[in-house]
Amino acid sequence: METRTSAAASATTVGVTAPLGLREAKKQETRQLISDHATRLFIEQGFENTTIAEIAEVSRVAKKTVTNYFARKEDLALDHQDEFSATLARAVTSRRPGESALAALRRAFEAAVAAQDPVAGFAGPDFSRMITDSPTLSACLRNLHDRREQALAVALAEAVGARPDDITVRTVAGLLGATHRVLFQRIQELTLAGHTNDEIARTIAKEAAHAFGLLEPAINDYAIA
């Protein structure tokens, strides 16, 4: 949204907010730098074999700086956890008039596949192998899938005016969450098998159509906007 102010107000705004903007940009640059170096080390050495001290050294920052930006070591590897956890819920809350939850999620997934979105699983062979080779990161990813399903249940409950622990809400969230989990794992499998992203996208588009089609008899009319 664009706003207009007087010259005096503009001068005040520039004097106050510009330095804050620069500081925030610098913090984001530092955070990204640390994350990039950490990911490179995790891929080269393995997640469990890489220490925070090594990450700090190659990033040329103090060890405390790394932990200030990333509370847990796994946060360095899986750096978009909130975005991942919110994807399914966001698709439900932004569904079009007359669109069901299933239709909205199907449309969102098709768009993610067309864009070869890393959040949908198109992370490349090195990153995918880093995850599957690490028990810690594999467990973290399973937890993220659980968090995403829980967030979806909340969104569905709000959409139909029910409680998140309602059995119908939980069942629908479970069906939709499991379908997305299977498709994510399928993308990982195809990636590790050496297929290109274009090949994976073509395969997944067909398999996703079948997977979502299996759900239609049960929940095609659920949570229509």
C-alpha atoms as a PDB file:
ATOM      1  CA  MET A   1       0.000   0.000   0.000  1.00  0.00           C
ATOM      2  CA  GLU A   2       1.361   3.414  -0.924  1.00  0.00           C
ATOM      3  CA  THR A   3       0.891   6.432   1.363  1.00  0.00           C
ATOM      4  CA  ARG A   4       1.747  10.092   0.835  1.00  0.00           C
ATOM      5  CA  THR A   5       3.024  12.504   3.505  1.00  0.00           C
ATOM      6  CA  SER A   6       4.044  16.138   3.806  1.00  0.00           C
ATOM      7  CA  ALA A   7       7.658  17.158   3.144  1.00  0.00           C
ATOM      8  CA  ALA A   8       8.338  17.521   6.860  1.00  0.00           C
ATOM      9  CA  ALA A   9       6.851  14.150   7.654  1.00  0.00           C
ATOM     10  CA  SER A  10       8.787  12.585   4.801  1.00  0.00           C
ATOM     11  CA  ALA A  11      12.047  13.993   6.116  1.00  0.00           C
ATOM     12  CA  THR A  12      11.298  12.619   9.560  1.00  0.00           C
ATOM     13  CA  THR A  13      10.427   9.243   8.110  1.00  0.00           C
ATOM     14  CA  VAL A  14      13.631   9.066   6.123  1.00  0.00           C
ATOM     15  CA  GLY A  15      15.722  10.067   9.105  1.00  0.00           C
ATOM     16  CA  VAL A  16      14.176   7.456  11.378  1.00  0.00           C
ATOM     17  CA  THR A  17      13.333   4.460   9.227  1.00  0.00           C
ATOM     18  CA  ALA A  18      16.204   4.339   6.735  1.00  0.00           C
ATOM     19  CA  PRO A  19      18.846   3.276   9.316  1.00  0.00           C
ATOM     20  CA  LEU A  20      16.430   0.691  10.713  1.00  0.00           C
ATOM     21  CA  GLY A  21      15.897  -0.614   7.215  1.00  0.00           C
ATOM     22  CA  LEU A  22      19.626  -0.880   6.635  1.00  0.00           C
ATOM     23  CA  ARG A  23      20.143  -2.691   9.925  1.00  0.00           C
ATOM     24  CA  GLU A  24      17.374  -5.125   9.125  1.00  0.00           C
ATOM     25  CA  ALA A  25      18.812  -5.738   5.661  1.00  0.00           C
ATOM     26  CA  LYS A  26      22.225  -6.397   7.189  1.00  0.00           C
ATOM     27  CA  LYS A  27      20.724  -8.857   9.647  1.00  0.00           C
ATOM     28  CA  GLN A  28      18.963 -10.677   6.836  1.00  0.00           C
ATOM     29  CA  GLU A  29      22.199 -10.824   4.826  1.00  0.00           C
ATOM     30  CA  THR A  30      24.067 -12.255   7.809  1.00  0.00           C
ATOM     31  CA  ARG A  31      21.340 -14.798   8.456  1.00  0.00           C
ATOM     32  CA  GLN A  32      21.334 -15.928   4.820  1.00  0.00           C
ATOM     33  CA  LEU A  33      25.126 -16.104   4.751  1.00  0.00           C
ATOM     34  CA  ILE A  34      25.198 -18.358   7.809  1.00  0.00           C
ATOM     35  CA  SER A  35      22.428 -20.552   6.403  1.00  0.00           C
ATOM     36  CA  ASP A  36      24.178 -20.910   3.026  1.00  0.00           C
ATOM     37  CA  HIS A  37      27.500 -21.885   4.613  1.00  0.00           C
ATOM     38  CA  ALA A  38      25.759 -24.305   6.969  1.00  0.00           C
ATOM     39  CA  THR A  39      23.889 -26.011   4.127  1.00  0.00           C
ATOM     40  CA  ARG A  40      27.107 -26.387   2.130  1.00  0.00           C
ATOM     41  CA  LEU A  41      28.859 -28.010   5.095  1.00  0.00           C
ATOM     42  CA  PHE A  42      25.888 -30.269   5.819  1.00  0.00           C
ATOM     43  CA  ILE A  43      25.904 -31.487   2.216  1.00  0.00           C
ATOM     44  CA  GLU A  44      29.677 -32.005   2.156  1.00  0.00           C
ATOM     45  CA  GLN A  45      30.151 -33.523   5.613  1.00  0.00           C
ATOM     46  CA  GLY A  46      26.718 -34.680   6.728  1.00  0.00           C
ATOM     47  CA  PHE A  47      24.429 -32.926   9.184  1.00  0.00           C
ATOM     48  CA  GLU A  48      25.438 -34.930  12.249  1.00  0.00           C
ATOM     49  CA  ASN A  49      29.147 -34.514  11.490  1.00  0.00           C
ATOM     50  CA  THR A  50      29.038 -30.725  11.222  1.00  0.00           C
ATOM     51  CA  THR A  51      29.380 -28.539  14.311  1.00  0.00           C
ATOM     52  CA  ILE A  52      28.093 -25.059  15.082  1.00  0.00           C
ATOM     53  CA  ALA A  53      31.707 -24.007  15.663  1.00  0.00           C
ATOM     54  CA  GLU A  54      32.628 -25.030  12.099  1.00  0.00           C
ATOM     55  CA  ILE A  55      29.673 -23.103  10.703  1.00  0.00           C
ATOM     56  CA  ALA A  56      30.659 -20.018  12.671  1.00  0.00           C
ATOM     57  CA  GLU A  57      34.247 -20.290  11.457  1.00  0.00           C
ATOM     58  CA  VAL A  58      33.424 -20.477   7.745  1.00  0.00           C
ATOM     59  CA  SER A  59      30.789 -17.759   8.155  1.00  0.00           C
ATOM     60  CA  ARG A  60      33.356 -15.556   9.947  1.00  0.00           C
ATOM     61  CA  VAL A  61      31.025 -14.847  12.850  1.00  0.00           C
ATOM     62  CA  ALA A  62      31.020 -15.791  16.506  1.00  0.00           C
ATOM     63  CA  LYS A  63      29.420 -19.062  17.560  1.00  0.00           C
ATOM     64  CA  LYS A  64      26.995 -16.991  19.642  1.00  0.00           C
ATOM     65  CA  THR A  65      25.919 -15.153  16.489  1.00  0.00           C
ATOM     66  CA  VAL A  66      24.941 -18.428  14.841  1.00  0.00           C
ATOM     67  CA  THR A  67      22.827 -19.490  17.808  1.00  0.00           C
ATOM     68  CA  ASN A  68      21.257 -16.038  18.042  1.00  0.00           C
ATOM     69  CA  TYR A  69      19.946 -16.402  14.505  1.00  0.00           C
ATOM     70  CA  PHE A  70      19.179 -20.127  14.673  1.00  0.00           C
ATOM     71  CA  ALA A  71      17.989 -21.587  17.967  1.00  0.00           C
ATOM     72  CA  ARG A  72      18.509 -25.184  16.836  1.00  0.00           C
ATOM     73  CA  LYS A  73      21.058 -26.740  14.522  1.00  0.00           C
ATOM     74  CA  GLU A  74      18.320 -28.218  12.324  1.00  0.00           C
ATOM     75  CA  ASP A  75      16.907 -24.715  11.792  1.00  0.00           C
ATOM     76  CA  LEU A  76      20.048 -23.994   9.767  1.00  0.00           C
ATOM     77  CA  ALA A  77      19.158 -26.731   7.288  1.00  0.00           C
ATOM     78  CA  LEU A  78      15.371 -26.326   7.242  1.00  0.00           C
ATOM     79  CA  ASP A  79      15.189 -22.561   7.063  1.00  0.00           C
ATOM     80  CA  HIS A  80      11.576 -22.075   5.917  1.00  0.00           C
ATOM     81  CA  GLN A  81       9.704 -24.065   8.531  1.00  0.00           C
ATOM     82  CA  ASP A  82       6.946 -21.530   9.206  1.00  0.00           C
ATOM     83  CA  GLU A  83       6.274 -21.125   5.495  1.00  0.00           C
ATOM     84  CA  PHE A  84       6.074 -24.896   5.023  1.00  0.00           C
ATOM     85  CA  SER A  85       3.767 -25.373   8.017  1.00  0.00           C
ATOM     86  CA  ALA A  86       1.357 -22.688   6.791  1.00  0.00           C
ATOM     87  CA  THR A  87       1.010 -23.734   3.138  1.00  0.00           C
ATOM     88  CA  LEU A  88      -2.060 -25.976   3.412  1.00  0.00           C
ATOM     89  CA  ALA A  89      -3.900 -23.727   5.852  1.00  0.00           C
ATOM     90  CA  ARG A  90      -3.227 -20.715   3.644  1.00  0.00           C
ATOM     91  CA  ALA A  91      -4.700 -22.502   0.627  1.00  0.00           C
ATOM     92  CA  VAL A  92      -7.896 -23.152   2.584  1.00  0.00           C
ATOM     93  CA  THR A  93      -8.258 -19.628   3.943  1.00  0.00           C
ATOM     94  CA  SER A  94      -7.685 -18.129   0.486  1.00  0.00           C
ATOM     95  CA  ARG A  95     -10.033 -20.453  -1.430  1.00  0.00           C
ATOM     96  CA  ARG A  96     -12.262 -18.878  -4.063  1.00  0.00           C
ATOM     97  CA  PRO A  97     -16.043 -18.404  -3.733  1.00  0.00           C
ATOM     98  CA  GLY A  98     -17.738 -21.737  -4.329  1.00  0.00           C
ATOM     99  CA  GLU A  99     -14.458 -23.620  -4.012  1.00  0.00           C
ATOM    100  CA  SER A 100     -14.110 -26.505  -1.559  1.00  0.00           C
ATOM    101  CA  ALA A 101     -11.081 -27.102   0.633  1.00  0.00           C
ATOM    102  CA  LEU A 102     -10.079 -30.057  -1.552  1.00  0.00           C
ATOM    103  CA  ALA A 103     -10.367 -28.039  -4.760  1.00  0.00           C
ATOM    104  CA  ALA A 104      -8.348 -25.159  -3.277  1.00  0.00           C
ATOM    105  CA  LEU A 105      -5.587 -27.454  -2.061  1.00  0.00           C
ATOM    106  CA  ARG A 106      -5.492 -29.293  -5.353  1.00  0.00           C
ATOM    107  CA  ARG A 107      -5.190 -26.019  -7.260  1.00  0.00           C
ATOM    108  CA  ALA A 108      -2.433 -24.794  -4.931  1.00  0.00           C
ATOM    109  CA  PHE A 109      -0.488 -28.023  -5.307  1.00  0.00           C
ATOM    110  CA  GLU A 110      -0.777 -27.939  -9.090  1.00  0.00           C
ATOM    111  CA  ALA A 111       0.620 -24.389  -9.051  1.00  0.00           C
ATOM    112  CA  ALA A 112       3.497 -25.467  -6.797  1.00  0.00           C
ATOM    113  CA  VAL A 113       4.370 -28.341  -9.125  1.00  0.00           C
ATOM    114  CA  ALA A 114       4.233 -26.076 -12.175  1.00  0.00           C
ATOM    115  CA  ALA A 115       6.588 -23.659 -10.395  1.00  0.00           C
ATOM    116  CA  GLN A 116       8.763 -26.551  -9.154  1.00  0.00           C
ATOM    117  CA  ASP A 117       8.562 -24.979  -5.709  1.00  0.00           C
ATOM    118  CA  PRO A 118      11.221 -26.164  -3.204  1.00  0.00           C
ATOM    119  CA  VAL A 119       8.605 -25.971  -0.437  1.00  0.00           C
ATOM    120  CA  ALA A 120       6.625 -28.649  -2.299  1.00  0.00           C
ATOM    121  CA  GLY A 121       9.711 -30.875  -2.422  1.00  0.00           C
ATOM    122  CA  PHE A 122      11.685 -29.695  -5.462  1.00  0.00           C
ATOM    123  CA  ALA A 123      14.855 -29.171  -3.438  1.00  0.00           C
ATOM    124  CA  GLY A 124      17.411 -30.839  -5.713  1.00  0.00           C
ATOM    125  CA  PRO A 125      19.371 -34.084  -5.211  1.00  0.00           C
ATOM    126  CA  ASP A 126      22.063 -32.738  -2.863  1.00  0.00           C
ATOM    127  CA  PHE A 127      19.617 -31.175  -0.435  1.00  0.00           C
ATOM    128  CA  SER A 128      17.204 -34.111  -0.605  1.00  0.00           C
ATOM    129  CA  ARG A 129      20.035 -36.543   0.100  1.00  0.00           C
ATOM    130  CA  MET A 130      21.186 -34.401   3.016  1.00  0.00           C
ATOM    131  CA  ILE A 131      17.725 -34.772   4.572  1.00  0.00           C
ATOM    132  CA  THR A 132      17.305 -38.495   3.989  1.00  0.00           C
ATOM    133  CA  ASP A 133      20.833 -39.298   5.197  1.00  0.00           C
ATOM    134  CA  SER A 134      20.268 -37.505   8.506  1.00  0.00           C
ATOM    135  CA  PRO A 135      18.072 -39.117  11.206  1.00  0.00           C
ATOM    136  CA  THR A 136      17.766 -35.714  12.900  1.00  0.00           C
ATOM    137  CA  LEU A 137      16.604 -33.877   9.793  1.00  0.00           C
ATOM    138  CA  SER A 138      14.298 -36.715   8.751  1.00  0.00           C
ATOM    139  CA  ALA A 139      12.619 -36.545  12.168  1.00  0.00           C
ATOM    140  CA  CYS A 140      12.390 -32.767  11.907  1.00  0.00           C
ATOM    141  CA  LEU A 141      10.718 -33.043   8.500  1.00  0.00           C
ATOM    142  CA  ARG A 142       8.171 -35.517   9.874  1.00  0.00           C
ATOM    143  CA  ASN A 143       7.401 -33.044  12.634  1.00  0.00           C
ATOM    144  CA  LEU A 144       6.925 -30.289  10.068  1.00  0.00           C
ATOM    145  CA  HIS A 145       4.407 -32.426   8.208  1.00  0.00           C
ATOM    146  CA  ASP A 146       2.566 -32.938  11.514  1.00  0.00           C
ATOM    147  CA  ARG A 147       2.612 -29.193  12.217  1.00  0.00           C
ATOM    148  CA  ARG A 148       1.276 -28.497   8.735  1.00  0.00           C
ATOM    149  CA  GLU A 149      -1.594 -30.925   9.254  1.00  0.00           C
ATOM    150  CA  GLN A 150      -2.427 -29.353  12.626  1.00  0.00           C
ATOM    151  CA  ALA A 151      -2.474 -25.868  11.075  1.00  0.00           C
ATOM    152  CA  LEU A 152      -4.729 -27.214   8.322  1.00  0.00           C
ATOM    153  CA  ALA A 153      -7.138 -28.585  10.940  1.00  0.00           C
ATOM    154  CA  VAL A 154      -7.383 -25.147  12.534  1.00  0.00           C
ATOM    155  CA  ALA A 155      -8.111 -23.535   9.164  1.00  0.00           C
ATOM    156  CA  LEU A 156     -10.725 -26.156   8.309  1.00  0.00           C
ATOM    157  CA  ALA A 157     -12.393 -25.731  11.696  1.00  0.00           C
ATOM    158  CA  GLU A 158     -12.680 -22.000  11.148  1.00  0.00           C
ATOM    159  CA  ALA A 159     -14.033 -22.574   7.654  1.00  0.00           C
ATOM    160  CA  VAL A 160     -16.894 -24.821   8.816  1.00  0.00           C
ATOM    161  CA  GLY A 161     -17.485 -23.287  12.263  1.00  0.00           C
ATOM    162  CA  ALA A 162     -16.308 -26.298  14.240  1.00  0.00           C
ATOM    163  CA  ARG A 163     -13.661 -27.021  16.835  1.00  0.00           C
ATOM    164  CA  PRO A 164     -10.182 -28.119  15.683  1.00  0.00           C
ATOM    165  CA  ASP A 165     -10.623 -31.367  17.648  1.00  0.00           C
ATOM    166  CA  ASP A 166     -13.908 -32.195  15.900  1.00  0.00           C
ATOM    167  CA  ILE A 167     -13.587 -35.721  14.491  1.00  0.00           C
ATOM    168  CA  THR A 168     -14.697 -34.705  11.001  1.00  0.00           C
ATOM    169  CA  VAL A 169     -12.252 -31.803  10.910  1.00  0.00           C
ATOM    170  CA  ARG A 170      -9.412 -33.990  12.131  1.00  0.00           C
ATOM    171  CA  THR A 171     -10.246 -36.752   9.659  1.00  0.00           C
ATOM    172  CA  VAL A 172     -10.404 -34.395   6.684  1.00  0.00           C
ATOM    173  CA  ALA A 173      -7.168 -32.716   7.758  1.00  0.00           C
ATOM    174  CA  GLY A 174      -5.594 -36.142   8.137  1.00  0.00           C
ATOM    175  CA  LEU A 175      -6.645 -37.245   4.646  1.00  0.00           C
ATOM    176  CA  LEU A 176      -5.420 -34.045   3.018  1.00  0.00           C
ATOM    177  CA  GLY A 177      -2.247 -33.926   5.090  1.00  0.00           C
ATOM    178  CA  ALA A 178      -1.391 -37.536   4.292  1.00  0.00           C
ATOM    179  CA  THR A 179      -1.924 -36.970   0.568  1.00  0.00           C
ATOM    180  CA  HIS A 180       0.450 -34.013   0.567  1.00  0.00           C
ATOM    181  CA  ARG A 181       2.966 -35.960   2.644  1.00  0.00           C
ATOM    182  CA  VAL A 182       2.922 -38.864   0.175  1.00  0.00           C
ATOM    183  CA  LEU A 183       3.361 -36.514  -2.789  1.00  0.00           C
ATOM    184  CA  PHE A 184       6.234 -34.713  -1.062  1.00  0.00           C
ATOM    185  CA  GLN A 185       7.957 -38.025  -0.392  1.00  0.00           C
ATOM    186  CA  ARG A 186       7.341 -39.077  -3.983  1.00  0.00           C
ATOM    187  CA  ILE A 187       9.099 -35.941  -5.243  1.00  0.00           C
ATOM    188  CA  GLN A 188      12.037 -36.737  -2.966  1.00  0.00           C
ATOM    189  CA  GLU A 189      12.193 -40.332  -4.234  1.00  0.00           C
ATOM    190  CA  LEU A 190      12.178 -39.262  -7.871  1.00  0.00           C
ATOM    191  CA  THR A 191      14.801 -36.610  -7.144  1.00  0.00           C
ATOM    192  CA  LEU A 192      17.137 -39.115  -5.515  1.00  0.00           C
ATOM    193  CA  ALA A 193      16.534 -41.541  -8.379  1.00  0.00           C
ATOM    194  CA  GLY A 194      18.145 -39.009 -10.707  1.00  0.00           C
ATOM    195  CA  HIS A 195      15.135 -37.546 -12.492  1.00  0.00           C
ATOM    196  CA  THR A 196      15.191 -33.894 -13.522  1.00  0.00           C
ATOM    197  CA  ASN A 197      12.720 -31.407 -12.075  1.00  0.00           C
ATOM    198  CA  ASP A 198      10.886 -31.243 -15.400  1.00  0.00           C
ATOM    199  CA  GLU A 199      10.515 -35.017 -15.458  1.00  0.00           C
ATOM    200  CA  ILE A 200       9.395 -35.060 -11.837  1.00  0.00           C
ATOM    201  CA  ALA A 201       6.844 -32.318 -12.449  1.00  0.00           C
ATOM    202  CA  ARG A 202       5.265 -34.259 -15.308  1.00  0.00           C
ATOM    203  CA  THR A 203       5.100 -37.455 -13.264  1.00  0.00           C
ATOM    204  CA  ILE A 204       3.789 -35.790 -10.126  1.00  0.00           C
ATOM    205  CA  ALA A 205       1.132 -33.840 -12.018  1.00  0.00           C
ATOM    206  CA  LYS A 206      -0.391 -37.143 -13.162  1.00  0.00           C
ATOM    207  CA  GLU A 207       0.017 -38.898  -9.821  1.00  0.00           C
ATOM    208  CA  ALA A 208      -1.383 -35.947  -7.872  1.00  0.00           C
ATOM    209  CA  ALA A 209      -4.465 -35.880 -10.097  1.00  0.00           C
ATOM    210  CA  HIS A 210      -5.045 -39.529  -9.216  1.00  0.00           C
ATOM    211  CA  ALA A 211      -4.349 -39.008  -5.503  1.00  0.00           C
ATOM    212  CA  PHE A 212      -6.697 -36.043  -5.169  1.00  0.00           C
ATOM    213  CA  GLY A 213      -9.277 -37.874  -7.261  1.00  0.00           C
ATOM    214  CA  LEU A 214      -9.365 -40.641  -4.669  1.00  0.00           C
ATOM    215  CA  LEU A 215     -10.493 -38.078  -2.082  1.00  0.00           C
ATOM    216  CA  GLU A 216     -13.298 -36.570  -4.150  1.00  0.00           C
ATOM    217  CA  PRO A 217     -16.078 -39.032  -3.216  1.00  0.00           C
ATOM    218  CA  ALA A 218     -15.520 -38.355   0.468  1.00  0.00           C
ATOM    219  CA  ILE A 219     -14.717 -34.647   0.802  1.00  0.00           C
ATOM    220  CA  ASN A 220     -15.297 -32.928  -2.541  1.00  0.00           C
ATOM    221  CA  ASP A 221     -18.067 -30.765  -0.999  1.00  0.00           C
ATOM    222  CA  TYR A 222     -16.397 -30.105   2.336  1.00  0.00           C
ATOM    223  CA  ALA A 223     -15.724 -26.527   3.472  1.00  0.00           C
ATOM    224  CA  ILE A 224     -17.049 -24.779   0.390  1.00  0.00           C
ATOM    225  CA  ALA A 225     -16.391 -21.029   0.534  1.00  0.00           C
END
